Amino acid sequence: IFFYTKAVWAEASNPDYHNDLGIVYEM
């Protein structure tokens, strides 16, 4: 969650990173 959140922060326009973060939140 920490690293995927950082990825979203660095490139918020990339849908892959939001999808990644969604998965680990769901976990």
PDB file of all heavy atoms in Angstrom:
ATOM      1  N   ILE A   1       0.838  -1.201   0.000  1.00  0.00           N
ATOM      2  CA  ILE A   1       0.000   0.000   0.000  1.00  0.00           C
ATOM      3  C   ILE A   1       0.872   1.249   0.000  1.00  0.00           C
ATOM      4  O   ILE A   1       0.614   2.218  -0.741  1.00  0.00           O
ATOM      5  CB  ILE A   1      -0.950   0.005   1.218  1.00  0.00           C
ATOM      6  CG1 ILE A   1      -2.049  -1.048   1.036  1.00  0.00           C
ATOM      7  CG2 ILE A   1      -1.571   1.389   1.419  1.00  0.00           C
ATOM      8  CD1 ILE A   1      -2.944  -1.223   2.258  1.00  0.00           C
ATOM      9  N   PHE A   2       1.914   1.231   0.812  1.00  0.00           N
ATOM     10  CA  PHE A   2       2.815   2.392   0.901  1.00  0.00           C
ATOM     11  C   PHE A   2       3.437   2.703  -0.463  1.00  0.00           C
ATOM     12  O   PHE A   2       3.391   3.853  -0.931  1.00  0.00           O
ATOM     13  CB  PHE A   2       3.910   2.117   1.937  1.00  0.00           C
ATOM     14  CG  PHE A   2       4.973   3.187   1.983  1.00  0.00           C
ATOM     15  CD1 PHE A   2       4.735   4.378   2.641  1.00  0.00           C
ATOM     16  CD2 PHE A   2       6.204   2.991   1.355  1.00  0.00           C
ATOM     17  CE1 PHE A   2       5.717   5.374   2.680  1.00  0.00           C
ATOM     18  CE2 PHE A   2       7.177   3.973   1.385  1.00  0.00           C
ATOM     19  CZ  PHE A   2       6.943   5.171   2.048  1.00  0.00           C
ATOM     20  N   PHE A   3       4.004   1.693  -1.115  1.00  0.00           N
ATOM     21  CA  PHE A   3       4.702   1.938  -2.378  1.00  0.00           C
ATOM     22  C   PHE A   3       3.741   2.233  -3.530  1.00  0.00           C
ATOM     23  O   PHE A   3       4.019   3.093  -4.369  1.00  0.00           O
ATOM     24  CB  PHE A   3       5.600   0.748  -2.727  1.00  0.00           C
ATOM     25  CG  PHE A   3       6.824   0.650  -1.863  1.00  0.00           C
ATOM     26  CD1 PHE A   3       7.045  -0.469  -1.056  1.00  0.00           C
ATOM     27  CD2 PHE A   3       7.756   1.669  -1.835  1.00  0.00           C
ATOM     28  CE1 PHE A   3       8.169  -0.562  -0.253  1.00  0.00           C
ATOM     29  CE2 PHE A   3       8.894   1.598  -1.027  1.00  0.00           C
ATOM     30  CZ  PHE A   3       9.099   0.476  -0.241  1.00  0.00           C
ATOM     31  N   TYR A   4       2.594   1.561  -3.560  1.00  0.00           N
ATOM     32  CA  TYR A   4       1.614   1.858  -4.618  1.00  0.00           C
ATOM     33  C   TYR A   4       1.053   3.269  -4.444  1.00  0.00           C
ATOM     34  O   TYR A   4       0.768   3.960  -5.425  1.00  0.00           O
ATOM     35  CB  TYR A   4       0.481   0.833  -4.614  1.00  0.00           C
ATOM     36  CG  TYR A   4       0.852  -0.525  -5.162  1.00  0.00           C
ATOM     37  CD1 TYR A   4       0.229  -1.682  -4.701  1.00  0.00           C
ATOM     38  CD2 TYR A   4       1.809  -0.664  -6.169  1.00  0.00           C
ATOM     39  CE1 TYR A   4       0.541  -2.933  -5.210  1.00  0.00           C
ATOM     40  CE2 TYR A   4       2.136  -1.907  -6.677  1.00  0.00           C
ATOM     41  CZ  TYR A   4       1.503  -3.038  -6.197  1.00  0.00           C
ATOM     42  OH  TYR A   4       1.827  -4.273  -6.719  1.00  0.00           O
ATOM     43  N   THR A   5       0.894   3.699  -3.190  1.00  0.00           N
ATOM     44  CA  THR A   5       0.442   5.072  -2.941  1.00  0.00           C
ATOM     45  C   THR A   5       1.465   6.073  -3.450  1.00  0.00           C
ATOM     46  O   THR A   5       1.125   7.114  -4.028  1.00  0.00           O
ATOM     47  CB  THR A   5       0.191   5.297  -1.435  1.00  0.00           C
ATOM     48  OG1 THR A   5      -0.809   4.374  -0.987  1.00  0.00           O
ATOM     49  CG2 THR A   5      -0.283   6.716  -1.154  1.00  0.00           C
ATOM     50  N   LYS A   6       2.749   5.752  -3.246  1.00  0.00           N
ATOM     51  CA  LYS A   6       3.818   6.622  -3.750  1.00  0.00           C
ATOM     52  C   LYS A   6       3.801   6.663  -5.278  1.00  0.00           C
ATOM     53  O   LYS A   6       4.048   7.707  -5.878  1.00  0.00           O
ATOM     54  CB  LYS A   6       5.180   6.109  -3.263  1.00  0.00           C
ATOM     55  CG  LYS A   6       5.359   6.152  -1.769  1.00  0.00           C
ATOM     56  CD  LYS A   6       5.791   7.516  -1.269  1.00  0.00           C
ATOM     57  CE  LYS A   6       7.279   7.704  -1.341  1.00  0.00           C
ATOM     58  NZ  LYS A   6       7.698   8.997  -0.768  1.00  0.00           N
ATOM     59  N   ALA A   7       3.520   5.522  -5.914  1.00  0.00           N
ATOM     60  CA  ALA A   7       3.430   5.482  -7.373  1.00  0.00           C
ATOM     61  C   ALA A   7       2.299   6.379  -7.874  1.00  0.00           C
ATOM     62  O   ALA A   7       2.463   7.125  -8.842  1.00  0.00           O
ATOM     63  CB  ALA A   7       3.226   4.044  -7.859  1.00  0.00           C
ATOM     64  N   VAL A   8       1.144   6.315  -7.178  1.00  0.00           N
ATOM     65  CA  VAL A   8       0.011   7.175  -7.537  1.00  0.00           C
ATOM     66  C   VAL A   8       0.380   8.646  -7.350  1.00  0.00           C
ATOM     67  O   VAL A   8       0.055   9.500  -8.184  1.00  0.00           O
ATOM     68  CB  VAL A   8      -1.226   6.814  -6.691  1.00  0.00           C
ATOM     69  CG1 VAL A   8      -2.302   7.892  -6.800  1.00  0.00           C
ATOM     70  CG2 VAL A   8      -1.797   5.475  -7.133  1.00  0.00           C
ATOM     71  N   TRP A   9       1.073   8.940  -6.271  1.00  0.00           N
ATOM     72  CA  TRP A   9       1.506  10.318  -6.028  1.00  0.00           C
ATOM     73  C   TRP A   9       2.429  10.806  -7.147  1.00  0.00           C
ATOM     74  O   TRP A   9       2.314  11.947  -7.604  1.00  0.00           O
ATOM     75  CB  TRP A   9       2.227  10.391  -4.683  1.00  0.00           C
ATOM     76  CG  TRP A   9       2.905  11.711  -4.450  1.00  0.00           C
ATOM     77  CD1 TRP A   9       2.332  12.870  -4.012  1.00  0.00           C
ATOM     78  CD2 TRP A   9       4.296  12.005  -4.672  1.00  0.00           C
ATOM     79  NE1 TRP A   9       3.272  13.870  -3.948  1.00  0.00           N
ATOM     80  CE2 TRP A   9       4.484  13.371  -4.354  1.00  0.00           C
ATOM     81  CE3 TRP A   9       5.387  11.253  -5.123  1.00  0.00           C
ATOM     82  CZ2 TRP A   9       5.724  13.987  -4.457  1.00  0.00           C
ATOM     83  CZ3 TRP A   9       6.624  11.865  -5.223  1.00  0.00           C
ATOM     84  CH2 TRP A   9       6.790  13.220  -4.891  1.00  0.00           C
ATOM     85  N   ALA A  10       3.323   9.949  -7.598  1.00  0.00           N
ATOM     86  CA  ALA A  10       4.291  10.354  -8.618  1.00  0.00           C
ATOM     87  C   ALA A  10       3.668  10.480 -10.008  1.00  0.00           C
ATOM     88  O   ALA A  10       4.099  11.313 -10.810  1.00  0.00           O
ATOM     89  CB  ALA A  10       5.456   9.357  -8.668  1.00  0.00           C
ATOM     90  N   GLU A  11       2.653   9.663 -10.290  1.00  0.00           N
ATOM     91  CA  GLU A  11       2.006   9.738 -11.613  1.00  0.00           C
ATOM     92  C   GLU A  11       0.515   9.403 -11.448  1.00  0.00           C
ATOM     93  O   GLU A  11       0.066   8.297 -11.773  1.00  0.00           O
ATOM     94  CB  GLU A  11       2.665   8.779 -12.610  1.00  0.00           C
ATOM     95  CG  GLU A  11       2.236   9.032 -14.038  1.00  0.00           C
ATOM     96  CD  GLU A  11       2.851   8.058 -15.032  1.00  0.00           C
ATOM     97  OE1 GLU A  11       3.755   7.278 -14.650  1.00  0.00           O
ATOM     98  OE2 GLU A  11       2.417   8.077 -16.188  1.00  0.00           O
ATOM     99  N   ALA A  12      -0.219  10.376 -10.987  1.00  0.00           N
ATOM    100  CA  ALA A  12      -1.634  10.161 -10.664  1.00  0.00           C
ATOM    101  C   ALA A  12      -2.494   9.899 -11.889  1.00  0.00           C
ATOM    102  O   ALA A  12      -3.607   9.396 -11.768  1.00  0.00           O
ATOM    103  CB  ALA A  12      -2.183  11.367  -9.914  1.00  0.00           C
ATOM    104  N   SER A  13      -1.992  10.209 -13.077  1.00  0.00           N
ATOM    105  CA  SER A  13      -2.779  10.032 -14.303  1.00  0.00           C
ATOM    106  C   SER A  13      -2.678   8.624 -14.885  1.00  0.00           C
ATOM    107  O   SER A  13      -3.287   8.335 -15.914  1.00  0.00           O
ATOM    108  CB  SER A  13      -2.336  11.049 -15.363  1.00  0.00           C
ATOM    109  OG  SER A  13      -0.967  10.841 -15.708  1.00  0.00           O
ATOM    110  N   ASN A  14      -1.920   7.740 -14.230  1.00  0.00           N
ATOM    111  CA  ASN A  14      -1.737   6.378 -14.738  1.00  0.00           C
ATOM    112  C   ASN A  14      -2.769   5.442 -14.085  1.00  0.00           C
ATOM    113  O   ASN A  14      -2.713   5.198 -12.881  1.00  0.00           O
ATOM    114  CB  ASN A  14      -0.317   5.888 -14.430  1.00  0.00           C
ATOM    115  CG  ASN A  14       0.016   4.599 -15.156  1.00  0.00           C
ATOM    116  OD1 ASN A  14      -0.803   3.681 -15.218  1.00  0.00           O
ATOM    117  ND2 ASN A  14       1.207   4.509 -15.708  1.00  0.00           N
ATOM    118  N   PRO A  15      -3.723   4.894 -14.872  1.00  0.00           N
ATOM    119  CA  PRO A  15      -4.759   4.042 -14.280  1.00  0.00           C
ATOM    120  C   PRO A  15      -4.223   2.753 -13.678  1.00  0.00           C
ATOM    121  O   PRO A  15      -4.816   2.209 -12.735  1.00  0.00           O
ATOM    122  CB  PRO A  15      -5.702   3.750 -15.460  1.00  0.00           C
ATOM    123  CG  PRO A  15      -4.874   3.951 -16.683  1.00  0.00           C
ATOM    124  CD  PRO A  15      -3.904   5.037 -16.338  1.00  0.00           C
ATOM    125  N   ASP A  16      -3.099   2.248 -14.179  1.00  0.00           N
ATOM    126  CA  ASP A  16      -2.525   1.015 -13.632  1.00  0.00           C
ATOM    127  C   ASP A  16      -2.214   1.151 -12.150  1.00  0.00           C
ATOM    128  O   ASP A  16      -2.426   0.224 -11.361  1.00  0.00           O
ATOM    129  CB  ASP A  16      -1.233   0.648 -14.365  1.00  0.00           C
ATOM    130  CG  ASP A  16      -1.479   0.136 -15.767  1.00  0.00           C
ATOM    131  OD1 ASP A  16      -2.542  -0.468 -15.995  1.00  0.00           O
ATOM    132  OD2 ASP A  16      -0.613   0.347 -16.631  1.00  0.00           O
ATOM    133  N   TYR A  17      -1.691   2.311 -11.758  1.00  0.00           N
ATOM    134  CA  TYR A  17      -1.275   2.490 -10.373  1.00  0.00           C
ATOM    135  C   TYR A  17      -2.489   2.558  -9.436  1.00  0.00           C
ATOM    136  O   TYR A  17      -2.433   2.069  -8.302  1.00  0.00           O
ATOM    137  CB  TYR A  17      -0.415   3.748 -10.231  1.00  0.00           C
ATOM    138  CG  TYR A  17       0.810   3.736 -11.121  1.00  0.00           C
ATOM    139  CD1 TYR A  17       1.390   4.907 -11.587  1.00  0.00           C
ATOM    140  CD2 TYR A  17       1.385   2.527 -11.524  1.00  0.00           C
ATOM    141  CE1 TYR A  17       2.506   4.890 -12.401  1.00  0.00           C
ATOM    142  CE2 TYR A  17       2.502   2.500 -12.345  1.00  0.00           C
ATOM    143  CZ  TYR A  17       3.056   3.688 -12.787  1.00  0.00           C
ATOM    144  OH  TYR A  17       4.154   3.665 -13.604  1.00  0.00           O
ATOM    145  N   HIS A  18      -3.569   3.146  -9.911  1.00  0.00           N
ATOM    146  CA  HIS A  18      -4.795   3.167  -9.106  1.00  0.00           C
ATOM    147  C   HIS A  18      -5.368   1.757  -8.976  1.00  0.00           C
ATOM    148  O   HIS A  18      -5.863   1.370  -7.915  1.00  0.00           O
ATOM    149  CB  HIS A  18      -5.818   4.106  -9.743  1.00  0.00           C
ATOM    150  CG  HIS A  18      -5.443   5.545  -9.657  1.00  0.00           C
ATOM    151  ND1 HIS A  18      -5.607   6.288  -8.517  1.00  0.00           N
ATOM    152  CD2 HIS A  18      -4.873   6.382 -10.580  1.00  0.00           C
ATOM    153  CE1 HIS A  18      -5.175   7.528  -8.725  1.00  0.00           C
ATOM    154  NE2 HIS A  18      -4.731   7.611  -9.965  1.00  0.00           N
ATOM    155  N   ASN A  19      -5.301   0.988 -10.052  1.00  0.00           N
ATOM    156  CA  ASN A  19      -5.772  -0.394 -10.011  1.00  0.00           C
ATOM    157  C   ASN A  19      -4.943  -1.225  -9.029  1.00  0.00           C
ATOM    158  O   ASN A  19      -5.482  -2.002  -8.235  1.00  0.00           O
ATOM    159  CB  ASN A  19      -5.694  -0.999 -11.410  1.00  0.00           C
ATOM    160  CG  ASN A  19      -6.324  -2.371 -11.499  1.00  0.00           C
ATOM    161  OD1 ASN A  19      -7.512  -2.543 -11.267  1.00  0.00           O
ATOM    162  ND2 ASN A  19      -5.519  -3.375 -11.834  1.00  0.00           N
ATOM    163  N   ASP A  20      -3.628  -1.050  -9.064  1.00  0.00           N
ATOM    164  CA  ASP A  20      -2.739  -1.741  -8.117  1.00  0.00           C
ATOM    165  C   ASP A  20      -3.141  -1.431  -6.674  1.00  0.00           C
ATOM    166  O   ASP A  20      -3.261  -2.325  -5.827  1.00  0.00           O
ATOM    167  CB  ASP A  20      -1.291  -1.276  -8.308  1.00  0.00           C
ATOM    168  CG  ASP A  20      -0.701  -1.696  -9.636  1.00  0.00           C
ATOM    169  OD1 ASP A  20      -1.221  -2.629 -10.254  1.00  0.00           O
ATOM    170  OD2 ASP A  20       0.295  -1.074 -10.057  1.00  0.00           O
ATOM    171  N   LEU A  21      -3.328  -0.133  -6.421  1.00  0.00           N
ATOM    172  CA  LEU A  21      -3.650   0.297  -5.055  1.00  0.00           C
ATOM    173  C   LEU A  21      -5.016  -0.241  -4.628  1.00  0.00           C
ATOM    174  O   LEU A  21      -5.193  -0.663  -3.479  1.00  0.00           O
ATOM    175  CB  LEU A  21      -3.622   1.827  -4.985  1.00  0.00           C
ATOM    176  CG  LEU A  21      -3.769   2.475  -3.611  1.00  0.00           C
ATOM    177  CD1 LEU A  21      -2.754   1.916  -2.614  1.00  0.00           C
ATOM    178  CD2 LEU A  21      -3.618   3.991  -3.727  1.00  0.00           C
ATOM    179  N   GLY A  22      -5.961  -0.266  -5.549  1.00  0.00           N
ATOM    180  CA  GLY A  22      -7.271  -0.820  -5.244  1.00  0.00           C
ATOM    181  C   GLY A  22      -7.193  -2.271  -4.810  1.00  0.00           C
ATOM    182  O   GLY A  22      -7.875  -2.710  -3.868  1.00  0.00           O
ATOM    183  N   ILE A  23      -6.338  -3.039  -5.473  1.00  0.00           N
ATOM    184  CA  ILE A  23      -6.204  -4.466  -5.169  1.00  0.00           C
ATOM    185  C   ILE A  23      -5.683  -4.686  -3.753  1.00  0.00           C
ATOM    186  O   ILE A  23      -6.221  -5.503  -2.998  1.00  0.00           O
ATOM    187  CB  ILE A  23      -5.287  -5.145  -6.202  1.00  0.00           C
ATOM    188  CG1 ILE A  23      -6.012  -5.250  -7.544  1.00  0.00           C
ATOM    189  CG2 ILE A  23      -4.841  -6.526  -5.728  1.00  0.00           C
ATOM    190  CD1 ILE A  23      -5.115  -5.596  -8.703  1.00  0.00           C
ATOM    191  N   VAL A  24      -4.657  -3.946  -3.381  1.00  0.00           N
ATOM    192  CA  VAL A  24      -4.103  -4.176  -2.040  1.00  0.00           C
ATOM    193  C   VAL A  24      -5.023  -3.619  -0.953  1.00  0.00           C
ATOM    194  O   VAL A  24      -5.082  -4.163   0.149  1.00  0.00           O
ATOM    195  CB  VAL A  24      -2.662  -3.629  -1.900  1.00  0.00           C
ATOM    196  CG1 VAL A  24      -1.690  -4.505  -2.671  1.00  0.00           C
ATOM    197  CG2 VAL A  24      -2.553  -2.178  -2.348  1.00  0.00           C
ATOM    198  N   TYR A  25      -5.761  -2.555  -1.263  1.00  0.00           N
ATOM    199  CA  TYR A  25      -6.785  -2.101  -0.312  1.00  0.00           C
ATOM    200  C   TYR A  25      -7.835  -3.196  -0.111  1.00  0.00           C
ATOM    201  O   TYR A  25      -8.290  -3.453   1.003  1.00  0.00           O
ATOM    202  CB  TYR A  25      -7.469  -0.833  -0.828  1.00  0.00           C
ATOM    203  CG  TYR A  25      -6.755   0.455  -0.501  1.00  0.00           C
ATOM    204  CD1 TYR A  25      -6.747   1.517  -1.411  1.00  0.00           C
ATOM    205  CD2 TYR A  25      -6.109   0.632   0.721  1.00  0.00           C
ATOM    206  CE1 TYR A  25      -6.105   2.713  -1.117  1.00  0.00           C
ATOM    207  CE2 TYR A  25      -5.460   1.819   1.021  1.00  0.00           C
ATOM    208  CZ  TYR A  25      -5.462   2.861   0.091  1.00  0.00           C
ATOM    209  OH  TYR A  25      -4.825   4.043   0.394  1.00  0.00           O
ATOM    210  N   GLU A  26      -8.200  -3.845  -1.199  1.00  0.00           N
ATOM    211  CA  GLU A  26      -9.189  -4.908  -1.103  1.00  0.00           C
ATOM    212  C   GLU A  26      -8.651  -6.086  -0.293  1.00  0.00           C
ATOM    213  O   GLU A  26      -9.392  -6.739   0.445  1.00  0.00           O
ATOM    214  CB  GLU A  26      -9.584  -5.361  -2.509  1.00  0.00           C
ATOM    215  CG  GLU A  26     -10.839  -6.189  -2.546  1.00  0.00           C
ATOM    216  CD  GLU A  26     -11.327  -6.476  -3.943  1.00  0.00           C
ATOM    217  OE1 GLU A  26     -10.823  -5.857  -4.901  1.00  0.00           O
ATOM    218  OE2 GLU A  26     -12.203  -7.345  -4.089  1.00  0.00           O
ATOM    219  N   MET A  27      -7.357  -6.372  -0.432  1.00  0.00           N
ATOM    220  CA  MET A  27      -6.748  -7.444   0.343  1.00  0.00           C
ATOM    221  C   MET A  27      -6.834  -7.160   1.845  1.00  0.00           C
ATOM    222  O   MET A  27      -6.861  -8.073   2.665  1.00  0.00           O
ATOM    223  CB  MET A  27      -5.283  -7.630  -0.077  1.00  0.00           C
ATOM    224  CG  MET A  27      -5.110  -8.209  -1.472  1.00  0.00           C
ATOM    225  SD  MET A  27      -3.380  -8.174  -2.053  1.00  0.00           S
ATOM    226  CE  MET A  27      -2.651  -9.446  -1.026  1.00  0.00           C
TER     227      MET A  27
END
